Amino acid sequence: KSKEKNWLIWRKEQPADFILRLEFRWDKGNSGVQVRSDDLGKWQVFGYQAEVASQGQMGLWHHSLLAKDHPRKKERHLMATAGQVATLAPDGSKTVKQGWEPKKVQSHFKEHEWNTMEIIAKGPKVAHKVNGVMFATVIDHDKEMSRKKGFIALQDHGKGCIVAFRKIRLKKIP
């Protein structure tokens, strides 16, 4: 619980292909799990984020800290939402397929209870599961913006955010 937005950054290494498993409990506000992210200093990171927020916001993949006037803001800010598979081409253009019905997917996340999250990163693909259910997938071939490796971080968005993480495990995959 903090007043300002910041991230808890694991700086030991920058994993590329991995499975990240953790448990989280969301009670209030906005949080997230960053993967394959750049450390910008002052407890800020830039990269892929799996949203941790209210049930209606869960399942979102976006690119954190993307400037409001960035030329790829439209494609990268909301990369994929609940139930979607988004593919970004080498030129940054995006196609989205709705694989699963959003409300059905989001119903598997339980507010104010412990939930499991699994993030699978392999090559250009980053997938996000909550309580064993696939929430959203991004396949990123964007030559300029994609990330092949990077830091892992947990976000506290501040402004009264209340979220907890535990049992964090990382398994590198070949």
N, C-alpha and C. Protein backbone atom coordinates (compact mmCIF):
# COMPACT_ATOMS: atom_id res chain seq x y z
N LYS A 1 0.86 -1.17 0.00
CA LYS A 1 0.00 0.00 0.00
C LYS A 1 0.91 1.23 0.00
N SER A 2 0.80 2.04 -1.02
CA SER A 2 1.65 3.23 -1.10
C SER A 2 0.88 4.40 -1.70
N LYS A 3 1.48 5.56 -1.65
CA LYS A 3 0.84 6.76 -2.18
C LYS A 3 1.23 7.03 -3.63
N GLU A 4 2.39 6.52 -4.06
CA GLU A 4 2.87 6.78 -5.41
C GLU A 4 3.10 5.49 -6.17
N LYS A 5 3.02 5.56 -7.49
CA LYS A 5 3.25 4.40 -8.34
C LYS A 5 4.72 4.01 -8.31
N ASN A 6 4.99 2.71 -8.15
CA ASN A 6 6.35 2.21 -8.24
C ASN A 6 6.32 0.71 -8.48
N TRP A 7 7.47 0.14 -8.75
CA TRP A 7 7.59 -1.29 -9.01
C TRP A 7 8.64 -1.89 -8.09
N LEU A 8 8.39 -3.12 -7.69
CA LEU A 8 9.38 -3.94 -7.01
C LEU A 8 10.05 -4.74 -8.13
N ILE A 9 11.32 -4.47 -8.39
CA ILE A 9 12.01 -5.01 -9.57
C ILE A 9 13.00 -6.09 -9.14
N TRP A 10 12.91 -7.25 -9.78
CA TRP A 10 13.89 -8.31 -9.57
C TRP A 10 15.02 -8.08 -10.57
N ARG A 11 16.19 -7.67 -10.06
CA ARG A 11 17.29 -7.26 -10.94
C ARG A 11 18.39 -8.32 -11.08
N LYS A 12 18.20 -9.49 -10.52
CA LYS A 12 19.25 -10.52 -10.57
C LYS A 12 19.58 -10.91 -12.00
N GLU A 13 18.58 -11.01 -12.85
CA GLU A 13 18.80 -11.36 -14.25
C GLU A 13 17.63 -10.88 -15.09
N GLN A 14 17.76 -11.05 -16.39
CA GLN A 14 16.71 -10.66 -17.33
C GLN A 14 16.31 -11.90 -18.13
N PRO A 15 15.39 -12.69 -17.61
CA PRO A 15 15.03 -13.93 -18.29
C PRO A 15 14.36 -13.69 -19.64
N ALA A 16 14.57 -14.64 -20.55
CA ALA A 16 13.99 -14.57 -21.90
C ALA A 16 12.77 -15.48 -21.99
N ASP A 17 12.99 -16.77 -22.03
CA ASP A 17 11.91 -17.75 -22.12
C ASP A 17 11.71 -18.38 -20.75
N PHE A 18 10.47 -18.34 -20.25
CA PHE A 18 10.23 -18.78 -18.87
C PHE A 18 8.75 -19.01 -18.61
N ILE A 19 8.50 -19.62 -17.46
CA ILE A 19 7.16 -19.71 -16.89
C ILE A 19 7.25 -19.05 -15.51
N LEU A 20 6.47 -18.02 -15.31
CA LEU A 20 6.40 -17.32 -14.02
C LEU A 20 5.08 -17.70 -13.38
N ARG A 21 5.16 -18.26 -12.18
CA ARG A 21 3.94 -18.61 -11.44
C ARG A 21 3.95 -17.85 -10.11
N LEU A 22 2.78 -17.36 -9.75
CA LEU A 22 2.66 -16.66 -8.48
C LEU A 22 1.21 -16.69 -8.02
N GLU A 23 1.03 -16.33 -6.77
CA GLU A 23 -0.32 -16.12 -6.24
C GLU A 23 -0.46 -14.63 -5.93
N PHE A 24 -1.67 -14.13 -6.14
CA PHE A 24 -1.92 -12.72 -5.87
C PHE A 24 -3.32 -12.55 -5.28
N ARG A 25 -3.44 -11.49 -4.53
CA ARG A 25 -4.74 -11.12 -3.95
C ARG A 25 -4.93 -9.63 -4.23
N TRP A 26 -5.99 -9.32 -4.95
CA TRP A 26 -6.31 -7.94 -5.27
C TRP A 26 -7.47 -7.50 -4.40
N ASP A 27 -7.31 -6.34 -3.74
CA ASP A 27 -8.40 -5.80 -2.94
C ASP A 27 -8.87 -4.43 -3.41
N LYS A 28 -7.94 -3.62 -3.96
CA LYS A 28 -8.32 -2.27 -4.35
C LYS A 28 -7.25 -1.68 -5.26
N GLY A 29 -7.68 -0.88 -6.23
CA GLY A 29 -6.74 -0.13 -7.05
C GLY A 29 -6.28 -0.85 -8.30
N ASN A 30 -5.06 -0.55 -8.69
CA ASN A 30 -4.50 -1.03 -9.94
C ASN A 30 -3.08 -1.51 -9.69
N SER A 31 -2.77 -2.69 -10.17
CA SER A 31 -1.44 -3.26 -10.02
C SER A 31 -1.12 -4.04 -11.29
N GLY A 32 0.00 -4.72 -11.30
CA GLY A 32 0.33 -5.51 -12.47
C GLY A 32 1.61 -6.29 -12.27
N VAL A 33 1.84 -7.20 -13.20
CA VAL A 33 3.07 -7.99 -13.23
C VAL A 33 3.77 -7.67 -14.55
N GLN A 34 4.97 -7.13 -14.44
CA GLN A 34 5.77 -6.77 -15.61
C GLN A 34 6.70 -7.92 -15.97
N VAL A 35 6.86 -8.18 -17.25
CA VAL A 35 7.83 -9.16 -17.72
C VAL A 35 8.57 -8.58 -18.92
N ARG A 36 9.77 -9.10 -19.15
CA ARG A 36 10.59 -8.65 -20.28
C ARG A 36 10.63 -7.12 -20.36
N SER A 37 10.90 -6.51 -19.23
CA SER A 37 10.82 -5.05 -19.12
C SER A 37 12.19 -4.42 -18.94
N ASP A 38 12.30 -3.16 -19.37
CA ASP A 38 13.50 -2.36 -19.19
C ASP A 38 13.39 -1.59 -17.88
N ASP A 39 14.50 -1.48 -17.16
CA ASP A 39 14.56 -0.71 -15.92
C ASP A 39 14.90 0.73 -16.29
N LEU A 40 13.98 1.65 -16.03
CA LEU A 40 14.17 3.06 -16.37
C LEU A 40 14.79 3.86 -15.23
N GLY A 41 15.03 3.20 -14.10
CA GLY A 41 15.53 3.91 -12.92
C GLY A 41 14.38 4.49 -12.12
N LYS A 42 14.67 4.93 -10.92
CA LYS A 42 13.67 5.52 -10.02
C LYS A 42 12.44 4.62 -9.88
N TRP A 43 12.68 3.30 -9.84
CA TRP A 43 11.63 2.31 -9.60
C TRP A 43 10.54 2.33 -10.68
N GLN A 44 10.93 2.56 -11.92
CA GLN A 44 10.01 2.56 -13.05
C GLN A 44 10.51 1.55 -14.09
N VAL A 45 9.59 0.84 -14.72
CA VAL A 45 9.94 -0.12 -15.77
C VAL A 45 9.06 0.12 -17.00
N PHE A 46 9.56 -0.34 -18.14
CA PHE A 46 8.89 -0.15 -19.42
C PHE A 46 8.86 -1.50 -20.13
N GLY A 47 7.67 -2.00 -20.41
CA GLY A 47 7.56 -3.28 -21.10
C GLY A 47 6.17 -3.88 -20.96
N TYR A 48 6.11 -5.18 -21.12
CA TYR A 48 4.83 -5.90 -21.07
C TYR A 48 4.29 -5.94 -19.64
N GLN A 49 3.00 -5.70 -19.50
CA GLN A 49 2.37 -5.78 -18.18
C GLN A 49 1.07 -6.55 -18.27
N ALA A 50 0.93 -7.53 -17.37
CA ALA A 50 -0.35 -8.22 -17.17
C ALA A 50 -1.05 -7.48 -16.03
N GLU A 51 -2.20 -6.95 -16.32
CA GLU A 51 -2.95 -6.13 -15.36
C GLU A 51 -3.44 -6.97 -14.18
N VAL A 52 -3.39 -6.38 -12.99
CA VAL A 52 -4.01 -6.93 -11.79
C VAL A 52 -4.91 -5.82 -11.25
N ALA A 53 -6.20 -6.00 -11.42
CA ALA A 53 -7.16 -4.96 -11.04
C ALA A 53 -8.52 -5.62 -10.83
N SER A 54 -9.58 -4.85 -10.89
CA SER A 54 -10.92 -5.39 -10.71
C SER A 54 -11.23 -6.44 -11.78
N GLN A 55 -12.25 -7.24 -11.54
CA GLN A 55 -12.59 -8.33 -12.44
C GLN A 55 -12.78 -7.86 -13.88
N GLY A 56 -13.39 -6.71 -14.08
CA GLY A 56 -13.63 -6.19 -15.42
C GLY A 56 -12.38 -5.71 -16.14
N GLN A 57 -11.28 -5.53 -15.41
CA GLN A 57 -10.02 -5.10 -16.01
C GLN A 57 -9.03 -6.25 -16.20
N MET A 58 -9.30 -7.39 -15.58
CA MET A 58 -8.35 -8.50 -15.65
C MET A 58 -8.27 -9.05 -17.07
N GLY A 59 -7.09 -9.53 -17.42
CA GLY A 59 -6.87 -10.12 -18.73
C GLY A 59 -6.22 -9.19 -19.71
N LEU A 60 -5.84 -8.04 -19.27
CA LEU A 60 -5.28 -7.01 -20.14
C LEU A 60 -3.76 -7.16 -20.24
N TRP A 61 -3.25 -7.14 -21.46
CA TRP A 61 -1.81 -7.01 -21.71
C TRP A 61 -1.60 -5.62 -22.28
N HIS A 62 -0.68 -4.89 -21.74
CA HIS A 62 -0.36 -3.59 -22.33
C HIS A 62 1.10 -3.27 -22.15
N HIS A 63 1.53 -2.24 -22.80
CA HIS A 63 2.91 -1.78 -22.73
C HIS A 63 2.93 -0.63 -21.74
N SER A 64 3.53 -0.84 -20.58
CA SER A 64 3.50 0.18 -19.54
C SER A 64 4.37 1.38 -19.91
N LEU A 65 3.98 2.52 -19.39
CA LEU A 65 4.70 3.79 -19.53
C LEU A 65 4.94 4.21 -20.98
N LEU A 66 4.04 3.86 -21.86
CA LEU A 66 4.12 4.29 -23.25
C LEU A 66 3.63 5.73 -23.33
N ALA A 67 4.43 6.60 -23.90
CA ALA A 67 4.07 8.02 -23.97
C ALA A 67 2.75 8.23 -24.70
N LYS A 68 1.99 9.21 -24.25
CA LYS A 68 0.68 9.49 -24.84
C LYS A 68 0.76 9.82 -26.32
N ASP A 69 1.88 10.37 -26.76
CA ASP A 69 2.02 10.73 -28.17
C ASP A 69 2.88 9.73 -28.96
N HIS A 70 3.13 8.56 -28.39
CA HIS A 70 3.94 7.56 -29.08
C HIS A 70 3.23 7.12 -30.36
N PRO A 71 3.96 6.97 -31.48
CA PRO A 71 3.31 6.61 -32.75
C PRO A 71 2.63 5.24 -32.74
N ARG A 72 2.99 4.37 -31.82
CA ARG A 72 2.36 3.05 -31.76
C ARG A 72 1.46 2.90 -30.53
N LYS A 73 1.04 3.99 -29.98
CA LYS A 73 0.18 3.97 -28.79
C LYS A 73 -1.07 3.13 -29.02
N LYS A 74 -1.71 3.29 -30.17
CA LYS A 74 -2.96 2.58 -30.46
C LYS A 74 -2.75 1.06 -30.42
N GLU A 75 -1.68 0.57 -31.01
CA GLU A 75 -1.43 -0.86 -31.08
C GLU A 75 -0.90 -1.43 -29.78
N ARG A 76 -0.11 -0.66 -29.04
CA ARG A 76 0.62 -1.23 -27.92
C ARG A 76 0.05 -0.90 -26.54
N HIS A 77 -0.72 0.17 -26.41
CA HIS A 77 -1.21 0.50 -25.06
C HIS A 77 -2.12 -0.61 -24.55
N LEU A 78 -3.12 -0.97 -25.30
CA LEU A 78 -3.99 -2.10 -24.96
C LEU A 78 -3.70 -3.18 -25.99
N MET A 79 -2.68 -3.98 -25.71
CA MET A 79 -2.24 -4.97 -26.70
C MET A 79 -3.26 -6.09 -26.88
N ALA A 80 -3.78 -6.59 -25.78
CA ALA A 80 -4.82 -7.63 -25.81
C ALA A 80 -5.62 -7.51 -24.53
N THR A 81 -6.91 -7.79 -24.61
CA THR A 81 -7.75 -7.79 -23.42
C THR A 81 -8.28 -9.20 -23.21
N ALA A 82 -9.10 -9.38 -22.20
CA ALA A 82 -9.56 -10.71 -21.80
C ALA A 82 -10.11 -11.51 -22.98
N GLY A 83 -9.60 -12.71 -23.14
CA GLY A 83 -10.07 -13.62 -24.17
C GLY A 83 -9.44 -13.43 -25.53
N GLN A 84 -8.53 -12.48 -25.67
CA GLN A 84 -7.97 -12.17 -26.98
C GLN A 84 -6.59 -12.77 -27.21
N VAL A 85 -6.30 -13.00 -28.49
CA VAL A 85 -4.95 -13.31 -28.96
C VAL A 85 -4.59 -12.20 -29.94
N ALA A 86 -3.58 -11.41 -29.60
CA ALA A 86 -3.15 -10.30 -30.44
C ALA A 86 -1.81 -10.64 -31.07
N THR A 87 -1.70 -10.39 -32.37
CA THR A 87 -0.45 -10.60 -33.08
C THR A 87 0.01 -9.27 -33.65
N LEU A 88 1.24 -8.90 -33.31
CA LEU A 88 1.84 -7.67 -33.83
C LEU A 88 2.85 -8.05 -34.90
N ALA A 89 2.70 -7.47 -36.08
CA ALA A 89 3.56 -7.75 -37.23
C ALA A 89 4.89 -7.01 -37.08
N PRO A 90 5.89 -7.36 -37.90
CA PRO A 90 7.18 -6.66 -37.82
C PRO A 90 7.07 -5.14 -37.95
N ASP A 91 6.09 -4.65 -38.69
CA ASP A 91 5.91 -3.20 -38.85
C ASP A 91 5.11 -2.57 -37.71
N GLY A 92 4.69 -3.38 -36.73
CA GLY A 92 3.95 -2.88 -35.58
C GLY A 92 2.44 -2.94 -35.71
N SER A 93 1.93 -3.26 -36.90
CA SER A 93 0.47 -3.36 -37.05
C SER A 93 -0.03 -4.56 -36.25
N LYS A 94 -1.29 -4.49 -35.84
CA LYS A 94 -1.84 -5.50 -34.93
C LYS A 94 -3.11 -6.11 -35.49
N THR A 95 -3.23 -7.44 -35.34
CA THR A 95 -4.49 -8.13 -35.61
C THR A 95 -4.90 -8.83 -34.31
N VAL A 96 -6.20 -8.83 -34.06
CA VAL A 96 -6.71 -9.41 -32.82
C VAL A 96 -7.79 -10.43 -33.14
N LYS A 97 -7.69 -11.59 -32.49
CA LYS A 97 -8.73 -12.61 -32.60
C LYS A 97 -9.33 -12.81 -31.21
N GLN A 98 -10.65 -12.85 -31.16
CA GLN A 98 -11.33 -13.09 -29.89
C GLN A 98 -11.45 -14.60 -29.72
N GLY A 99 -10.62 -15.16 -28.87
CA GLY A 99 -10.60 -16.60 -28.67
C GLY A 99 -11.64 -17.09 -27.67
N TRP A 100 -11.92 -16.27 -26.66
CA TRP A 100 -12.83 -16.66 -25.58
C TRP A 100 -13.68 -15.46 -25.20
N GLU A 101 -14.85 -15.70 -24.67
CA GLU A 101 -15.77 -14.63 -24.27
C GLU A 101 -15.21 -13.94 -23.03
N PRO A 102 -14.99 -12.61 -23.07
CA PRO A 102 -14.32 -11.90 -21.98
C PRO A 102 -14.92 -12.10 -20.60
N LYS A 103 -16.22 -11.92 -20.46
CA LYS A 103 -16.83 -12.04 -19.12
C LYS A 103 -16.71 -13.45 -18.56
N LYS A 104 -16.77 -14.45 -19.42
CA LYS A 104 -16.61 -15.83 -18.97
C LYS A 104 -15.19 -16.06 -18.46
N VAL A 105 -14.22 -15.56 -19.20
CA VAL A 105 -12.82 -15.68 -18.79
C VAL A 105 -12.60 -14.93 -17.47
N GLN A 106 -13.06 -13.68 -17.41
CA GLN A 106 -12.84 -12.85 -16.22
C GLN A 106 -13.53 -13.41 -14.98
N SER A 107 -14.59 -14.17 -15.15
CA SER A 107 -15.32 -14.72 -14.00
C SER A 107 -14.46 -15.70 -13.20
N HIS A 108 -13.38 -16.19 -13.77
CA HIS A 108 -12.50 -17.12 -13.06
C HIS A 108 -11.60 -16.41 -12.05
N PHE A 109 -11.48 -15.09 -12.17
CA PHE A 109 -10.71 -14.30 -11.21
C PHE A 109 -11.62 -13.91 -10.06
N LYS A 110 -11.17 -14.13 -8.84
CA LYS A 110 -11.96 -13.84 -7.65
C LYS A 110 -11.37 -12.66 -6.88
N GLU A 111 -12.08 -11.55 -6.90
CA GLU A 111 -11.64 -10.38 -6.15
C GLU A 111 -11.60 -10.70 -4.66
N HIS A 112 -10.64 -10.13 -3.94
CA HIS A 112 -10.49 -10.25 -2.48
C HIS A 112 -10.17 -11.67 -2.04
N GLU A 113 -9.69 -12.51 -2.95
CA GLU A 113 -9.28 -13.88 -2.63
C GLU A 113 -7.93 -14.14 -3.29
N TRP A 114 -7.23 -15.18 -2.81
CA TRP A 114 -5.98 -15.56 -3.45
C TRP A 114 -6.28 -16.25 -4.78
N ASN A 115 -5.56 -15.84 -5.81
CA ASN A 115 -5.68 -16.39 -7.17
C ASN A 115 -4.28 -16.79 -7.63
N THR A 116 -4.21 -17.68 -8.61
CA THR A 116 -2.93 -18.03 -9.21
C THR A 116 -2.78 -17.31 -10.55
N MET A 117 -1.57 -16.94 -10.87
CA MET A 117 -1.26 -16.36 -12.17
C MET A 117 -0.07 -17.12 -12.75
N GLU A 118 -0.16 -17.36 -14.04
CA GLU A 118 0.95 -17.98 -14.75
C GLU A 118 1.19 -17.17 -16.02
N ILE A 119 2.43 -16.77 -16.22
CA ILE A 119 2.83 -16.07 -17.43
C ILE A 119 3.85 -16.94 -18.13
N ILE A 120 3.56 -17.28 -19.38
CA ILE A 120 4.45 -18.12 -20.17
C ILE A 120 5.03 -17.26 -21.28
N ALA A 121 6.35 -17.11 -21.29
CA ALA A 121 7.03 -16.32 -22.32
C ALA A 121 7.96 -17.25 -23.08
N LYS A 122 7.71 -17.39 -24.37
CA LYS A 122 8.53 -18.27 -25.22
C LYS A 122 8.61 -17.65 -26.60
N GLY A 123 9.82 -17.28 -27.01
CA GLY A 123 9.98 -16.61 -28.30
C GLY A 123 9.17 -15.33 -28.34
N PRO A 124 8.40 -15.10 -29.40
CA PRO A 124 7.62 -13.87 -29.50
C PRO A 124 6.29 -13.91 -28.73
N LYS A 125 5.98 -15.05 -28.11
CA LYS A 125 4.67 -15.24 -27.48
C LYS A 125 4.74 -15.04 -25.97
N VAL A 126 3.79 -14.25 -25.45
CA VAL A 126 3.64 -14.06 -24.01
C VAL A 126 2.17 -14.33 -23.68
N ALA A 127 1.92 -15.35 -22.87
CA ALA A 127 0.55 -15.75 -22.53
C ALA A 127 0.33 -15.58 -21.03
N HIS A 128 -0.93 -15.38 -20.67
CA HIS A 128 -1.31 -15.01 -19.30
C HIS A 128 -2.50 -15.86 -18.87
N LYS A 129 -2.30 -16.64 -17.80
CA LYS A 129 -3.38 -17.46 -17.25
C LYS A 129 -3.68 -17.01 -15.82
N VAL A 130 -4.94 -17.09 -15.45
CA VAL A 130 -5.36 -16.85 -14.07
C VAL A 130 -6.21 -18.04 -13.65
N ASN A 131 -5.85 -18.63 -12.52
CA ASN A 131 -6.55 -19.80 -12.00
C ASN A 131 -6.71 -20.89 -13.06
N GLY A 132 -5.65 -21.08 -13.86
CA GLY A 132 -5.62 -22.13 -14.87
C GLY A 132 -6.32 -21.82 -16.17
N VAL A 133 -6.94 -20.65 -16.28
CA VAL A 133 -7.70 -20.26 -17.47
C VAL A 133 -6.90 -19.25 -18.29
N MET A 134 -6.77 -19.50 -19.60
CA MET A 134 -6.06 -18.57 -20.47
C MET A 134 -6.83 -17.25 -20.54
N PHE A 135 -6.17 -16.17 -20.20
CA PHE A 135 -6.80 -14.85 -20.20
C PHE A 135 -6.50 -14.07 -21.46
N ALA A 136 -5.23 -13.96 -21.83
CA ALA A 136 -4.86 -13.18 -23.02
C ALA A 136 -3.47 -13.60 -23.49
N THR A 137 -3.25 -13.46 -24.79
CA THR A 137 -1.97 -13.82 -25.39
C THR A 137 -1.54 -12.73 -26.36
N VAL A 138 -0.25 -12.43 -26.33
CA VAL A 138 0.34 -11.50 -27.29
C VAL A 138 1.46 -12.23 -28.02
N ILE A 139 1.44 -12.13 -29.34
CA ILE A 139 2.52 -12.66 -30.17
C ILE A 139 3.14 -11.45 -30.85
N ASP A 140 4.35 -11.09 -30.43
CA ASP A 140 4.92 -9.80 -30.79
C ASP A 140 6.14 -9.95 -31.70
N HIS A 141 5.94 -9.63 -32.98
CA HIS A 141 7.02 -9.66 -33.97
C HIS A 141 7.50 -8.25 -34.31
N ASP A 142 7.00 -7.24 -33.62
CA ASP A 142 7.33 -5.83 -33.89
C ASP A 142 8.85 -5.64 -33.78
N LYS A 143 9.49 -5.28 -34.87
CA LYS A 143 10.95 -5.16 -34.90
C LYS A 143 11.47 -4.06 -33.97
N GLU A 144 10.71 -3.01 -33.80
CA GLU A 144 11.15 -1.88 -32.97
C GLU A 144 10.82 -2.06 -31.49
N MET A 145 9.66 -2.60 -31.17
CA MET A 145 9.16 -2.55 -29.79
C MET A 145 9.14 -3.87 -29.04
N SER A 146 9.23 -5.01 -29.72
CA SER A 146 9.12 -6.28 -29.00
C SER A 146 10.29 -6.46 -28.05
N ARG A 147 10.06 -7.24 -27.03
CA ARG A 147 11.09 -7.53 -26.02
C ARG A 147 11.31 -9.04 -25.99
N LYS A 148 12.56 -9.45 -26.10
CA LYS A 148 12.91 -10.87 -26.06
C LYS A 148 13.35 -11.30 -24.66
N LYS A 149 13.74 -10.34 -23.83
CA LYS A 149 14.15 -10.61 -22.45
C LYS A 149 14.00 -9.32 -21.66
N GLY A 150 14.08 -9.44 -20.35
CA GLY A 150 13.99 -8.24 -19.54
C GLY A 150 13.68 -8.56 -18.09
N PHE A 151 13.58 -7.51 -17.31
CA PHE A 151 13.34 -7.66 -15.89
C PHE A 151 11.89 -8.07 -15.61
N ILE A 152 11.70 -8.64 -14.44
CA ILE A 152 10.37 -8.96 -13.92
C ILE A 152 10.12 -8.00 -12.76
N ALA A 153 8.91 -7.46 -12.69
CA ALA A 153 8.60 -6.50 -11.62
C ALA A 153 7.13 -6.62 -11.23
N LEU A 154 6.85 -6.26 -9.99
CA LEU A 154 5.49 -6.22 -9.47
C LEU A 154 5.13 -4.76 -9.23
N GLN A 155 3.98 -4.35 -9.72
CA GLN A 155 3.59 -2.95 -9.65
C GLN A 155 2.69 -2.66 -8.45
N ASP A 156 2.95 -1.52 -7.84
CA ASP A 156 2.04 -0.91 -6.88
C ASP A 156 1.70 0.45 -7.48
N HIS A 157 0.49 0.62 -7.94
CA HIS A 157 0.11 1.83 -8.66
C HIS A 157 -0.09 3.02 -7.73
N GLY A 158 -0.05 2.78 -6.44
CA GLY A 158 -0.26 3.87 -5.49
C GLY A 158 -1.72 4.23 -5.38
N LYS A 159 -2.00 5.43 -4.89
CA LYS A 159 -3.37 5.94 -4.77
C LYS A 159 -4.27 4.97 -4.00
N GLY A 160 -3.73 4.35 -2.95
CA GLY A 160 -4.54 3.46 -2.13
C GLY A 160 -4.63 2.03 -2.64
N CYS A 161 -3.79 1.67 -3.59
CA CYS A 161 -3.79 0.31 -4.13
C CYS A 161 -3.49 -0.69 -3.00
N ILE A 162 -4.27 -1.76 -2.95
CA ILE A 162 -4.03 -2.82 -1.99
C ILE A 162 -3.97 -4.13 -2.76
N VAL A 163 -2.77 -4.71 -2.86
CA VAL A 163 -2.55 -5.96 -3.56
C VAL A 163 -1.41 -6.70 -2.86
N ALA A 164 -1.46 -8.02 -2.89
CA ALA A 164 -0.40 -8.82 -2.28
C ALA A 164 0.01 -9.92 -3.25
N PHE A 165 1.29 -10.28 -3.20
CA PHE A 165 1.83 -11.36 -4.02
C PHE A 165 2.55 -12.34 -3.11
N ARG A 166 2.53 -13.62 -3.46
CA ARG A 166 3.26 -14.62 -2.69
C ARG A 166 3.56 -15.82 -3.60
N LYS A 167 4.39 -16.71 -3.08
CA LYS A 167 4.74 -17.96 -3.77
C LYS A 167 5.16 -17.70 -5.22
N ILE A 168 6.10 -16.80 -5.39
CA ILE A 168 6.58 -16.41 -6.72
C ILE A 168 7.66 -17.39 -7.16
N ARG A 169 7.45 -18.02 -8.31
CA ARG A 169 8.38 -19.02 -8.82
C ARG A 169 8.65 -18.77 -10.29
N LEU A 170 9.91 -18.92 -10.67
CA LEU A 170 10.33 -18.71 -12.05
C LEU A 170 11.03 -19.97 -12.54
N LYS A 171 10.59 -20.46 -13.69
CA LYS A 171 11.23 -21.63 -14.31
C LYS A 171 11.64 -21.23 -15.72
N LYS A 172 12.93 -21.30 -15.99
CA LYS A 172 13.41 -21.01 -17.34
C LYS A 172 13.09 -22.20 -18.23
N ILE A 173 12.70 -21.91 -19.47
CA ILE A 173 12.40 -22.99 -20.41
C ILE A 173 13.31 -22.84 -21.63
N PRO A 174 13.73 -23.99 -22.19
CA PRO A 174 14.64 -23.95 -23.35
C PRO A 174 13.91 -23.51 -24.61
